[in-house]
PDB file of N, CA and C in Angstrom:
ATOM      1  N   MET A   1      31.112  -1.039 -22.690  1.00  0.00           N
ATOM      2  CA  MET A   1      31.561  -1.360 -21.355  1.00  0.00           C
ATOM      3  C   MET A   1      30.411  -1.911 -20.526  1.00  0.00           C
ATOM      4  N   CYS A   2      29.236  -1.331 -20.669  1.00  0.00           N
ATOM      5  CA  CYS A   2      28.059  -1.755 -19.921  1.00  0.00           C
ATOM      6  C   CYS A   2      27.647  -3.170 -20.316  1.00  0.00           C
ATOM      7  N   CYS A   3      27.677  -3.456 -21.600  1.00  0.00           N
ATOM      8  CA  CYS A   3      27.259  -4.772 -22.080  1.00  0.00           C
ATOM      9  C   CYS A   3      28.229  -5.853 -21.649  1.00  0.00           C
ATOM     10  N   VAL A   4      29.519  -5.534 -21.584  1.00  0.00           N
ATOM     11  CA  VAL A   4      30.529  -6.515 -21.180  1.00  0.00           C
ATOM     12  C   VAL A   4      30.328  -6.879 -19.713  1.00  0.00           C
ATOM     13  N   ASN A   5      30.043  -5.902 -18.868  1.00  0.00           N
ATOM     14  CA  ASN A   5      29.823  -6.142 -17.455  1.00  0.00           C
ATOM     15  C   ASN A   5      28.573  -6.993 -17.244  1.00  0.00           C
ATOM     16  N   THR A   6      27.507  -6.708 -17.972  1.00  0.00           N
ATOM     17  CA  THR A   6      26.266  -7.479 -17.872  1.00  0.00           C
ATOM     18  C   THR A   6      26.479  -8.896 -18.364  1.00  0.00           C
ATOM     19  N   LEU A   7      27.231  -9.041 -19.454  1.00  0.00           N
ATOM     20  CA  LEU A   7      27.515 -10.361 -19.998  1.00  0.00           C
ATOM     21  C   LEU A   7      28.354 -11.174 -19.008  1.00  0.00           C
ATOM     22  N   GLY A   8      29.278 -10.534 -18.331  1.00  0.00           N
ATOM     23  CA  GLY A   8      30.101 -11.215 -17.328  1.00  0.00           C
ATOM     24  C   GLY A   8      29.270 -11.707 -16.160  1.00  0.00           C
ATOM     25  N   LYS A   9      28.341 -10.893 -15.693  1.00  0.00           N
ATOM     26  CA  LYS A   9      27.457 -11.300 -14.606  1.00  0.00           C
ATOM     27  C   LYS A   9      26.555 -12.438 -15.037  1.00  0.00           C
ATOM     28  N   HIS A  10      26.072 -12.374 -16.287  1.00  0.00           N
ATOM     29  CA  HIS A  10      25.213 -13.426 -16.815  1.00  0.00           C
ATOM     30  C   HIS A  10      25.978 -14.745 -16.890  1.00  0.00           C
ATOM     31  N   MET A  11      27.228 -14.696 -17.345  1.00  0.00           N
ATOM     32  CA  MET A  11      28.042 -15.910 -17.443  1.00  0.00           C
ATOM     33  C   MET A  11      28.344 -16.470 -16.057  1.00  0.00           C
ATOM     34  N   GLN A  12      28.584 -15.575 -15.107  1.00  0.00           N
ATOM     35  CA  GLN A  12      28.854 -16.014 -13.747  1.00  0.00           C
ATOM     36  C   GLN A  12      27.628 -16.723 -13.172  1.00  0.00           C
ATOM     37  N   THR A  13      26.449 -16.175 -13.393  1.00  0.00           N
ATOM     38  CA  THR A  13      25.215 -16.793 -12.920  1.00  0.00           C
ATOM     39  C   THR A  13      24.999 -18.141 -13.585  1.00  0.00           C
ATOM     40  N   MET A  14      25.257 -18.216 -14.888  1.00  0.00           N
ATOM     41  CA  MET A  14      25.088 -19.482 -15.610  1.00  0.00           C
ATOM     42  C   MET A  14      26.058 -20.535 -15.078  1.00  0.00           C
ATOM     43  N   MET A  15      27.283 -20.136 -14.772  1.00  0.00           N
ATOM     44  CA  MET A  15      28.267 -21.075 -14.231  1.00  0.00           C
ATOM     45  C   MET A  15      27.836 -21.569 -12.849  1.00  0.00           C
ATOM     46  N   GLN A  16      27.258 -20.690 -12.046  1.00  0.00           N
ATOM     47  CA  GLN A  16      26.775 -21.094 -10.733  1.00  0.00           C
ATOM     48  C   GLN A  16      25.632 -22.091 -10.864  1.00  0.00           C
ATOM     49  N   VAL A  17      24.736 -21.864 -11.818  1.00  0.00           N
ATOM     50  CA  VAL A  17      23.623 -22.785 -12.043  1.00  0.00           C
ATOM     51  C   VAL A  17      24.148 -24.141 -12.496  1.00  0.00           C
ATOM     52  N   VAL A  18      25.092 -24.152 -13.408  1.00  0.00           N
ATOM     53  CA  VAL A  18      25.675 -25.410 -13.888  1.00  0.00           C
ATOM     54  C   VAL A  18      26.369 -26.135 -12.749  1.00  0.00           C
ATOM     55  N   ALA A  19      27.117 -25.410 -11.926  1.00  0.00           N
ATOM     56  CA  ALA A  19      27.800 -26.028 -10.789  1.00  0.00           C
ATOM     57  C   ALA A  19      26.795 -26.611  -9.809  1.00  0.00           C
ATOM     58  N   LEU A  20      25.699 -25.920  -9.571  1.00  0.00           N
ATOM     59  CA  LEU A  20      24.659 -26.416  -8.674  1.00  0.00           C
ATOM     60  C   LEU A  20      24.019 -27.683  -9.224  1.00  0.00           C
ATOM     61  N   ILE A  21      23.743 -27.715 -10.515  1.00  0.00           N
ATOM     62  CA  ILE A  21      23.159 -28.911 -11.137  1.00  0.00           C
ATOM     63  C   ILE A  21      24.121 -30.092 -11.033  1.00  0.00           C
ATOM     64  N   LEU A  22      25.401 -29.853 -11.300  1.00  0.00           N
ATOM     65  CA  LEU A  22      26.381 -30.930 -11.190  1.00  0.00           C
ATOM     66  C   LEU A  22      26.502 -31.428  -9.749  1.00  0.00           C
ATOM     67  N   LEU A  23      26.477 -30.516  -8.807  1.00  0.00           N
ATOM     68  CA  LEU A  23      26.554 -30.895  -7.404  1.00  0.00           C
ATOM     69  C   LEU A  23      25.354 -31.744  -7.008  1.00  0.00           C
ATOM     70  N   MET A  24      24.179 -31.375  -7.476  1.00  0.00           N
ATOM     71  CA  MET A  24      22.967 -32.150  -7.165  1.00  0.00           C
ATOM     72  C   MET A  24      23.060 -33.544  -7.777  1.00  0.00           C
ATOM     73  N   GLN A  25      23.591 -33.654  -8.980  1.00  0.00           N
ATOM     74  CA  GLN A  25      23.715 -34.962  -9.616  1.00  0.00           C
ATOM     75  C   GLN A  25      24.733 -35.835  -8.902  1.00  0.00           C
ATOM     76  N   VAL A  26      25.786 -35.229  -8.381  1.00  0.00           N
ATOM     77  CA  VAL A  26      26.796 -36.002  -7.669  1.00  0.00           C
ATOM     78  C   VAL A  26      26.262 -36.456  -6.310  1.00  0.00           C
ATOM     79  N   CYS A  27      25.528 -35.588  -5.629  1.00  0.00           N
ATOM     80  CA  CYS A  27      25.061 -35.895  -4.280  1.00  0.00           C
ATOM     81  C   CYS A  27      23.814 -36.775  -4.258  1.00  0.00           C
ATOM     82  N   GLU A  28      23.089 -36.844  -5.340  1.00  0.00           N
ATOM     83  CA  GLU A  28      21.852 -37.615  -5.348  1.00  0.00           C
ATOM     84  C   GLU A  28      22.062 -39.074  -4.978  1.00  0.00           C
ATOM     85  N   PRO A  29      23.056 -39.771  -5.533  1.00  0.00           N
ATOM     86  CA  PRO A  29      23.233 -41.170  -5.130  1.00  0.00           C
ATOM     87  C   PRO A  29      23.667 -41.323  -3.674  1.00  0.00           C
ATOM     88  N   ILE A  30      24.342 -40.308  -3.152  1.00  0.00           N
ATOM     89  CA  ILE A  30      24.812 -40.395  -1.773  1.00  0.00           C
ATOM     90  C   ILE A  30      23.652 -40.350  -0.794  1.00  0.00           C
ATOM     91  N   VAL A  31      22.693 -39.474  -1.033  1.00  0.00           N
ATOM     92  CA  VAL A  31      21.602 -39.302  -0.089  1.00  0.00           C
ATOM     93  C   VAL A  31      20.375 -40.148  -0.419  1.00  0.00           C
ATOM     94  N   ALA A  32      20.409 -40.847  -1.521  1.00  0.00           N
ATOM     95  CA  ALA A  32      19.263 -41.687  -1.874  1.00  0.00           C
ATOM     96  C   ALA A  32      19.142 -42.808  -0.860  1.00  0.00           C
ATOM     97  N   GLN A  33      17.945 -43.098  -0.489  1.00  0.00           N
ATOM     98  CA  GLN A  33      17.713 -44.137   0.501  1.00  0.00           C
ATOM     99  C   GLN A  33      17.280 -45.412  -0.208  1.00  0.00           C
ATOM    100  N   THR A  34      18.210 -46.007  -0.907  1.00  0.00           N
ATOM    101  CA  THR A  34      17.924 -47.263  -1.595  1.00  0.00           C
ATOM    102  C   THR A  34      18.273 -48.413  -0.676  1.00  0.00           C
ATOM    103  N   PRO A  35      17.575 -49.527  -0.788  1.00  0.00           N
ATOM    104  CA  PRO A  35      17.894 -50.660   0.079  1.00  0.00           C
ATOM    105  C   PRO A  35      19.276 -51.217  -0.257  1.00  0.00           C
ATOM    106  N   PRO A  36      19.989 -51.740   0.728  1.00  0.00           N
ATOM    107  CA  PRO A  36      21.322 -52.264   0.490  1.00  0.00           C
ATOM    108  C   PRO A  36      21.273 -53.519  -0.381  1.00  0.00           C
ATOM    109  N   ALA A  37      22.419 -53.887  -0.940  1.00  0.00           N
ATOM    110  CA  ALA A  37      22.505 -55.017  -1.855  1.00  0.00           C
ATOM    111  C   ALA A  37      22.329 -56.345  -1.145  1.00  0.00           C
ATOM    112  N   SER A  38      22.449 -56.381   0.176  1.00  0.00           N
ATOM    113  CA  SER A  38      22.347 -57.637   0.908  1.00  0.00           C
ATOM    114  C   SER A  38      20.935 -58.194   0.906  1.00  0.00           C
ATOM    115  N   GLY A  39      19.968 -57.402   0.534  1.00  0.00           N
ATOM    116  CA  GLY A  39      18.585 -57.868   0.471  1.00  0.00           C
ATOM    117  C   GLY A  39      17.792 -57.528   1.716  1.00  0.00           C
ATOM    118  N   SER A  40      18.439 -56.971   2.731  1.00  0.00           N
ATOM    119  CA  SER A  40      17.734 -56.597   3.949  1.00  0.00           C
ATOM    120  C   SER A  40      17.020 -55.273   3.717  1.00  0.00           C
ATOM    121  N   GLU A  41      15.720 -55.273   3.838  1.00  0.00           N
ATOM    122  CA  GLU A  41      14.919 -54.071   3.600  1.00  0.00           C
ATOM    123  C   GLU A  41      14.861 -53.170   4.839  1.00  0.00           C
ATOM    124  N   SER A  42      15.262 -53.662   5.997  1.00  0.00           N
ATOM    125  CA  SER A  42      15.105 -52.891   7.223  1.00  0.00           C
ATOM    126  C   SER A  42      16.310 -52.004   7.538  1.00  0.00           C
ATOM    127  N   GLU A  43      17.389 -52.086   6.773  1.00  0.00           N
ATOM    128  CA  GLU A  43      18.565 -51.272   7.041  1.00  0.00           C
ATOM    129  C   GLU A  43      18.295 -49.823   6.642  1.00  0.00           C
ATOM    130  N   PRO A  44      18.571 -48.861   7.544  1.00  0.00           N
ATOM    131  CA  PRO A  44      18.241 -47.460   7.249  1.00  0.00           C
ATOM    132  C   PRO A  44      19.183 -46.848   6.217  1.00  0.00           C
ATOM    133  N   GLY A  45      18.709 -45.785   5.571  1.00  0.00           N
ATOM    134  CA  GLY A  45      19.508 -45.053   4.598  1.00  0.00           C
ATOM    135  C   GLY A  45      20.431 -44.071   5.290  1.00  0.00           C
ATOM    136  N   LEU A  46      21.175 -43.354   4.492  1.00  0.00           N
ATOM    137  CA  LEU A  46      22.162 -42.414   5.008  1.00  0.00           C
ATOM    138  C   LEU A  46      21.514 -41.313   5.841  1.00  0.00           C
ATOM    139  N   LEU A  47      20.446 -40.729   5.346  1.00  0.00           N
ATOM    140  CA  LEU A  47      19.799 -39.638   6.085  1.00  0.00           C
ATOM    141  C   LEU A  47      19.240 -40.123   7.412  1.00  0.00           C
ATOM    142  N   GLN A  48      18.704 -41.324   7.436  1.00  0.00           N
ATOM    143  CA  GLN A  48      18.165 -41.872   8.680  1.00  0.00           C
ATOM    144  C   GLN A  48      19.285 -42.114   9.693  1.00  0.00           C
ATOM    145  N   ARG A  49      20.425 -42.632   9.226  1.00  0.00           N
ATOM    146  CA  ARG A  49      21.550 -42.881  10.132  1.00  0.00           C
ATOM    147  C   ARG A  49      22.104 -41.575  10.681  1.00  0.00           C
ATOM    148  N   VAL A  50      22.217 -40.562   9.829  1.00  0.00           N
ATOM    149  CA  VAL A  50      22.707 -39.254  10.285  1.00  0.00           C
ATOM    150  C   VAL A  50      21.738 -38.656  11.292  1.00  0.00           C
ATOM    151  N   SER A  51      20.466 -38.775  11.022  1.00  0.00           N
ATOM    152  CA  SER A  51      19.451 -38.249  11.930  1.00  0.00           C
ATOM    153  C   SER A  51      19.513 -38.961  13.284  1.00  0.00           C
ATOM    154  N   ASP A  52      19.684 -40.279  13.261  1.00  0.00           N
ATOM    155  CA  ASP A  52      19.784 -41.030  14.514  1.00  0.00           C
ATOM    156  C   ASP A  52      21.027 -40.639  15.305  1.00  0.00           C
ATOM    157  N   ARG A  53      22.150 -40.466  14.617  1.00  0.00           N
ATOM    158  CA  ARG A  53      23.377 -40.050  15.309  1.00  0.00           C
ATOM    159  C   ARG A  53      23.227 -38.654  15.905  1.00  0.00           C
ATOM    160  N   TYR A  54      22.554 -37.767  15.174  1.00  0.00           N
ATOM    161  CA  TYR A  54      22.327 -36.410  15.693  1.00  0.00           C
ATOM    162  C   TYR A  54      21.485 -36.478  16.970  1.00  0.00           C
ATOM    163  N   ARG A  55      20.407 -37.261  16.924  1.00  0.00           N
ATOM    164  CA  ARG A  55      19.545 -37.378  18.111  1.00  0.00           C
ATOM    165  C   ARG A  55      20.312 -37.965  19.295  1.00  0.00           C
ATOM    166  N   ASN A  56      21.130 -38.989  19.033  1.00  0.00           N
ATOM    167  CA  ASN A  56      21.927 -39.582  20.101  1.00  0.00           C
ATOM    168  C   ASN A  56      22.925 -38.583  20.666  1.00  0.00           C
ATOM    169  N   GLY A  57      23.539 -37.792  19.805  1.00  0.00           N
ATOM    170  CA  GLY A  57      24.482 -36.771  20.262  1.00  0.00           C
ATOM    171  C   GLY A  57      23.810 -35.709  21.107  1.00  0.00           C
ATOM    172  N   VAL A  58      22.629 -35.276  20.682  1.00  0.00           N
ATOM    173  CA  VAL A  58      21.892 -34.269  21.456  1.00  0.00           C
ATOM    174  C   VAL A  58      21.515 -34.827  22.818  1.00  0.00           C
ATOM    175  N   ALA A  59      21.058 -36.075  22.859  1.00  0.00           N
ATOM    176  CA  ALA A  59      20.687 -36.690  24.136  1.00  0.00           C
ATOM    177  C   ALA A  59      21.908 -36.800  25.055  1.00  0.00           C
ATOM    178  N   ARG A  60      23.058 -37.151  24.491  1.00  0.00           N
ATOM    179  CA  ARG A  60      24.281 -37.283  25.290  1.00  0.00           C
ATOM    180  C   ARG A  60      24.700 -35.920  25.846  1.00  0.00           C
ATOM    181  N   VAL A  61      24.646 -34.881  25.022  1.00  0.00           N
ATOM    182  CA  VAL A  61      25.027 -33.540  25.475  1.00  0.00           C
ATOM    183  C   VAL A  61      24.074 -33.053  26.552  1.00  0.00           C
ATOM    184  N   LYS A  62      22.775 -33.325  26.385  1.00  0.00           N
ATOM    185  CA  LYS A  62      21.810 -32.919  27.421  1.00  0.00           C
ATOM    186  C   LYS A  62      22.068 -33.653  28.723  1.00  0.00           C
ATOM    187  N   GLY A  63      22.431 -34.926  28.646  1.00  0.00           N
ATOM    188  CA  GLY A  63      22.752 -35.676  29.851  1.00  0.00           C
ATOM    189  C   GLY A  63      23.967 -35.111  30.558  1.00  0.00           C
ATOM    190  N   ILE A  64      25.001 -34.792  29.804  1.00  0.00           N
ATOM    191  CA  ILE A  64      26.206 -34.200  30.382  1.00  0.00           C
ATOM    192  C   ILE A  64      25.885 -32.826  30.957  1.00  0.00           C
ATOM    193  N   GLY A  65      25.044 -32.060  30.246  1.00  0.00           N
ATOM    194  CA  GLY A  65      24.665 -30.729  30.737  1.00  0.00           C
ATOM    195  C   GLY A  65      23.922 -30.817  32.056  1.00  0.00           C
ATOM    196  N   GLY A  66      23.059 -31.820  32.198  1.00  0.00           N
ATOM    197  CA  GLY A  66      22.343 -31.999  33.466  1.00  0.00           C
ATOM    198  C   GLY A  66      23.296 -32.321  34.601  1.00  0.00           C
ATOM    199  N   THR A  67      24.285 -33.146  34.327  1.00  0.00           N
ATOM    200  CA  THR A  67      25.276 -33.498  35.346  1.00  0.00           C
ATOM    201  C   THR A  67      26.095 -32.281  35.755  1.00  0.00           C
ATOM    202  N   VAL A  68      26.541 -31.506  34.760  1.00  0.00           N
ATOM    203  CA  VAL A  68      27.319 -30.297  35.050  1.00  0.00           C
ATOM    204  C   VAL A  68      26.476 -29.300  35.833  1.00  0.00           C
ATOM    205  N   LEU A  69      25.213 -29.162  35.474  1.00  0.00           N
ATOM    206  CA  LEU A  69      24.330 -28.247  36.195  1.00  0.00           C
ATOM    207  C   LEU A  69      24.163 -28.690  37.648  1.00  0.00           C
ATOM    208  N   GLY A  70      24.056 -29.988  37.873  1.00  0.00           N
ATOM    209  CA  GLY A  70      23.958 -30.497  39.246  1.00  0.00           C
ATOM    210  C   GLY A  70      25.195 -30.180  40.062  1.00  0.00           C
ATOM    211  N   TYR A  71      26.381 -30.406  39.476  1.00  0.00           N
ATOM    212  CA  TYR A  71      27.623 -30.081  40.177  1.00  0.00           C
ATOM    213  C   TYR A  71      27.739 -28.587  40.437  1.00  0.00           C
ATOM    214  N   ALA A  72      27.340 -27.769  39.463  1.00  0.00           N
ATOM    215  CA  ALA A  72      27.414 -26.315  39.649  1.00  0.00           C
ATOM    216  C   ALA A  72      26.474 -25.869  40.769  1.00  0.00           C
ATOM    217  N   GLY A  73      25.275 -26.450  40.809  1.00  0.00           N
ATOM    218  CA  GLY A  73      24.335 -26.102  41.878  1.00  0.00           C
ATOM    219  C   GLY A  73      24.863 -26.498  43.244  1.00  0.00           C
ATOM    220  N   ALA A  74      25.456 -27.682  43.338  1.00  0.00           N
ATOM    221  CA  ALA A  74      26.015 -28.130  44.610  1.00  0.00           C
ATOM    222  C   ALA A  74      27.185 -27.240  45.034  1.00  0.00           C
ATOM    223  N   TYR A  75      28.026 -26.871  44.075  1.00  0.00           N
ATOM    224  CA  TYR A  75      29.154 -25.996  44.388  1.00  0.00           C
ATOM    225  C   TYR A  75      28.653 -24.647  44.884  1.00  0.00           C
ATOM    226  N   TYR A  76      27.616 -24.111  44.227  1.00  0.00           N
ATOM    227  CA  TYR A  76      27.051 -22.828  44.646  1.00  0.00           C
ATOM    228  C   TYR A  76      26.513 -22.915  46.067  1.00  0.00           C
ATOM    229  N   GLU A  77      25.752 -23.972  46.337  1.00  0.00           N
ATOM    230  CA  GLU A  77      25.164 -24.118  47.675  1.00  0.00           C
ATOM    231  C   GLU A  77      26.228 -24.280  48.753  1.00  0.00           C
ATOM    232  N   ASP A  78      27.313 -24.999  48.445  1.00  0.00           N
ATOM    233  CA  ASP A  78      28.330 -25.285  49.462  1.00  0.00           C
ATOM    234  C   ASP A  78      29.373 -24.187  49.626  1.00  0.00           C
ATOM    235  N   HIS A  79      29.725 -23.498  48.539  1.00  0.00           N
ATOM    236  CA  HIS A  79      30.868 -22.588  48.606  1.00  0.00           C
ATOM    237  C   HIS A  79      30.532 -21.119  48.379  1.00  0.00           C
ATOM    238  N   ILE A  80      29.630 -20.824  47.505  1.00  0.00           N
ATOM    239  CA  ILE A  80      29.368 -19.421  47.148  1.00  0.00           C
ATOM    240  C   ILE A  80      28.262 -18.814  48.005  1.00  0.00           C
ATOM    241  N   LYS A  81      27.179 -19.535  48.178  1.00  0.00           N
ATOM    242  CA  LYS A  81      26.035 -18.994  48.913  1.00  0.00           C
ATOM    243  C   LYS A  81      26.381 -18.639  50.362  1.00  0.00           C
ATOM    244  N   PRO A  82      27.121 -19.478  51.101  1.00  0.00           N
ATOM    245  CA  PRO A  82      27.446 -19.088  52.488  1.00  0.00           C
ATOM    246  C   PRO A  82      28.273 -17.802  52.581  1.00  0.00           C
ATOM    247  N   VAL A  83      29.072 -17.521  51.576  1.00  0.00           N
ATOM    248  CA  VAL A  83      29.902 -16.318  51.606  1.00  0.00           C
ATOM    249  C   VAL A  83      29.091 -15.088  51.221  1.00  0.00           C
ATOM    250  N   THR A  84      28.229 -15.208  50.229  1.00  0.00           N
ATOM    251  CA  THR A  84      27.517 -14.037  49.711  1.00  0.00           C
ATOM    252  C   THR A  84      26.198 -13.749  50.426  1.00  0.00           C
ATOM    253  N   GLU A  85      25.631 -14.721  51.092  1.00  0.00           N
ATOM    254  CA  GLU A  85      24.320 -14.520  51.717  1.00  0.00           C
ATOM    255  C   GLU A  85      24.302 -13.408  52.765  1.00  0.00           C
ATOM    256  N   PRO A  86      25.317 -13.287  53.640  1.00  0.00           N
ATOM    257  CA  PRO A  86      25.278 -12.162  54.596  1.00  0.00           C
ATOM    258  C   PRO A  86      25.275 -10.790  53.904  1.00  0.00           C
ATOM    259  N   TYR A  87      26.028 -10.672  52.812  1.00  0.00           N
ATOM    260  CA  TYR A  87      26.050  -9.395  52.094  1.00  0.00           C
ATOM    261  C   TYR A  87      24.699  -9.111  51.437  1.00  0.00           C
ATOM    262  N   ILE A  88      24.099 -10.130  50.887  1.00  0.00           N
ATOM    263  CA  ILE A  88      22.784  -9.959  50.251  1.00  0.00           C
ATOM    264  C   ILE A  88      21.753  -9.551  51.288  1.00  0.00           C
ATOM    265  N   ASN A  89      21.777 -10.183  52.461  1.00  0.00           N
ATOM    266  CA  ASN A  89      20.831  -9.822  53.529  1.00  0.00           C
ATOM    267  C   ASN A  89      21.073  -8.395  54.020  1.00  0.00           C
ATOM    268  N   MET A  90      22.348  -7.994  54.110  1.00  0.00           N
ATOM    269  CA  MET A  90      22.661  -6.643  54.562  1.00  0.00           C
ATOM    270  C   MET A  90      22.117  -5.608  53.571  1.00  0.00           C
ATOM    271  N   VAL A  91      22.332  -5.828  52.281  1.00  0.00           N
ATOM    272  CA  VAL A  91      21.856  -4.897  51.273  1.00  0.00           C
ATOM    273  C   VAL A  91      20.328  -4.887  51.240  1.00  0.00           C
ATOM    274  N   SER A  92      19.718  -6.031  51.407  1.00  0.00           N
ATOM    275  CA  SER A  92      18.257  -6.096  51.412  1.00  0.00           C
ATOM    276  C   SER A  92      17.678  -5.323  52.591  1.00  0.00           C
ATOM    277  N   SER A  93      18.245  -5.504  53.775  1.00  0.00           N
ATOM    278  CA  SER A  93      17.737  -4.774  54.945  1.00  0.00           C
ATOM    279  C   SER A  93      18.002  -3.279  54.808  1.00  0.00           C
ATOM    280  N   LEU A  94      19.140  -2.916  54.229  1.00  0.00           N
ATOM    281  CA  LEU A  94      19.459  -1.504  54.029  1.00  0.00           C
ATOM    282  C   LEU A  94      18.482  -0.868  53.049  1.00  0.00           C
ATOM    283  N   SER A  95      18.190  -1.561  51.954  1.00  0.00           N
ATOM    284  CA  SER A  95      17.267  -0.990  50.969  1.00  0.00           C
ATOM    285  C   SER A  95      15.860  -0.887  51.538  1.00  0.00           C
ATOM    286  N   SER A  96      15.423  -1.878  52.299  1.00  0.00           N
ATOM    287  CA  SER A  96      14.079  -1.780  52.882  1.00  0.00           C
ATOM    288  C   SER A  96      14.035  -0.678  53.934  1.00  0.00           C
ATOM    289  N   SER A  97      15.121  -0.464  54.674  1.00  0.00           N
ATOM    290  CA  SER A  97      15.178   0.616  55.650  1.00  0.00           C
ATOM    291  C   SER A  97      15.094   1.973  54.959  1.00  0.00           C
ATOM    292  N   VAL A  98      15.845   2.124  53.855  1.00  0.00           N
ATOM    293  CA  VAL A  98      15.803   3.376  53.101  1.00  0.00           C
ATOM    294  C   VAL A  98      14.406   3.580  52.527  1.00  0.00           C
ATOM    295  N   TYR A  99      13.795   2.530  52.003  1.00  0.00           N
ATOM    296  CA  TYR A  99      12.445   2.630  51.440  1.00  0.00           C
ATOM    297  C   TYR A  99      11.454   3.055  52.519  1.00  0.00           C
ATOM    298  N   ASP A 100      11.563   2.466  53.714  1.00  0.00           N
ATOM    299  CA  ASP A 100      10.669   2.839  54.811  1.00  0.00           C
ATOM    300  C   ASP A 100      10.852   4.303  55.210  1.00  0.00           C
ATOM    301  N   ARG A 101      12.103   4.770  55.236  1.00  0.00           N
ATOM    302  CA  ARG A 101      12.355   6.176  55.589  1.00  0.00           C
ATOM    303  C   ARG A 101      11.780   7.120  54.539  1.00  0.00           C
ATOM    304  N   VAL A 102      11.908   6.733  53.250  1.00  0.00           N
ATOM    305  CA  VAL A 102      11.351   7.571  52.185  1.00  0.00           C
ATOM    306  C   VAL A 102       9.836   7.612  52.300  1.00  0.00           C
ATOM    307  N   GLN A 103       9.211   6.491  52.562  1.00  0.00           N
ATOM    308  CA  GLN A 103       7.753   6.452  52.708  1.00  0.00           C
ATOM    309  C   GLN A 103       7.310   7.277  53.919  1.00  0.00           C
ATOM    310  N   GLN A 104       8.067   7.193  55.004  1.00  0.00           N
ATOM    311  CA  GLN A 104       7.744   7.961  56.194  1.00  0.00           C
ATOM    312  C   GLN A 104       7.903   9.456  55.927  1.00  0.00           C
ATOM    313  N   PHE A 105       8.949   9.853  55.203  1.00  0.00           N
ATOM    314  CA  PHE A 105       9.177  11.239  54.863  1.00  0.00           C
ATOM    315  C   PHE A 105       8.065  11.781  53.983  1.00  0.00           C
ATOM    316  N   ARG A 106       7.609  10.970  53.019  1.00  0.00           N
ATOM    317  CA  ARG A 106       6.547  11.398  52.112  1.00  0.00           C
ATOM    318  C   ARG A 106       5.212  11.552  52.831  1.00  0.00           C
ATOM    319  N   SER A 107       4.984  10.721  53.851  1.00  0.00           N
ATOM    320  CA  SER A 107       3.711  10.790  54.574  1.00  0.00           C
ATOM    321  C   SER A 107       3.676  11.972  55.538  1.00  0.00           C
ATOM    322  N   ASP A 108       4.832  12.461  55.970  1.00  0.00           N
ATOM    323  CA  ASP A 108       4.876  13.596  56.908  1.00  0.00           C
ATOM    324  C   ASP A 108       4.626  14.860  56.228  1.00  0.00           C
TER     325      ASP A 108
END
């Protein structure tokens, strides 16, 4: 029973290795950066094109994020801050008053 289980694991590992080798052989021509048949040496390969698209996508998302952040900041300044600022000032003055009373009590 022990040998059968070990043999099964060994076969499973061998099958995974074979599958990985086959996958690498299939994908190698896809990712190879060979020059195109047209004779133009300056045309980028697949990895270069994917990398360029990724960079362009990241730049676009960062640009949109900056715009959204600007709108959120403006909304906060116009709508949220005027409503919450009096409460924040009240709590701040209350806490400083309590702190002053505690300090005065400790000094007495």
